[in-house]
Amino acid sequence: MISSIRKWVAAGGVALLAACGGGGDDHPTVLGVAQSDPQFSILAEAVKAADLESALNGAGPITVFAPTNAAFSSLLTELGVTKSQLLADKPLLTAVLTYHVLASKVVKADVPAGKAITSLQGGIFKVEAGTGGTLTIQDGRNRVAKIVATDVAAVNGVVHVIDKVILPANRNIVETAQSLPDFSILVEAVLAANLQGALSGTGPLTVFAPTNAAFAALLTELGLTKQQLLANSTLLTGVLKYHVVPGRVLKADVPVGAAIATLETGKTFRVDSTLAITDANARTSKIVATDVFTSNGLIHVIDKVILP
């Protein structure tokens, strides 16, 4: 079975190694799959170092997105650590490994493309279907991994092979905005309105985040300077809360055409099938980027400030 996986991966294909009904007793456990194939030797070492062997040998069912040795080597370079240092950091290792595990059996045919998938670690990621049947994962830090083989049968679940170690989110909404230069005015506005605590909390929240160009256009529209806008806490708070929606609303879950309630009490906006927003003043804004993951929610990028 394992040699067949290698052939399919080398050919760039996505292998179906088991029917949706799952494996029989002739299949190894999920951990057995990793231990029996040299391309997963670092994964097997990591599982042992994190004391997760019994969890991956248990009754299940579980789904594991299994990074190859090459994926782990790339992660070491990315993090600037040695393999020994990574294996010695049990809290990090446990968080990363459990982020690759689902507490149910999810074969390729049942993967909810574009939807939030909750891992055993508690963080989310999503899988997107591309051309030619390709599948990619967007992790909590908005990094992308490819799923290079699917539906590897195990007696207690299923394994999908990935070419990059995925990582749970490590920045909240405010920290994510602060890390992106195109949101510097938005960050100033959040701080001026004293909303950083609300947007750094547990959530989840979804923020429709205007770019710096969007704020510059608003200042012209309102005939204000940036300083005047930031000093008007009542206006600023109302405008910013109007950009925040309770819950984590991915692009695939946006209720097209329906009124979307915001944190600004009683104020809603609508999104059409082209991802254009119509605000309470019949002004329109375009969603230009979607599904930027954060630890406490999600950001969609918009090209115009919407007004309640």
Foldseek 3Di string as FASTA:
>chain_A
DQVVLVVQLVVQHADAPDDPVFDDPVFAFPLVSLVVDQQNVLVNLLCVLLVNVCVRRDQFQKEFAGETPQQVVVVCVVVVHDSVVQSNPNVQSVLLRQQRMARHAAFPVRFPAQDWGATSSGATKHWHADPPRWIWIQAQQRDIKTFRYTFPGHNRHGYTYIHHRGHHFDAFPLRVLVVDVQQPLVNLLCVLLVNPVVRRDQFQKEFAGEGPQQVVVVCVVVVHDSVVQSNPNVQSVLLRQQRMAGDAAFPVRFPAPDWGDTSNPPFTWHAHPQQWIQGPVRDIKHFPATFNHHNRYGYTYIHHRGHD
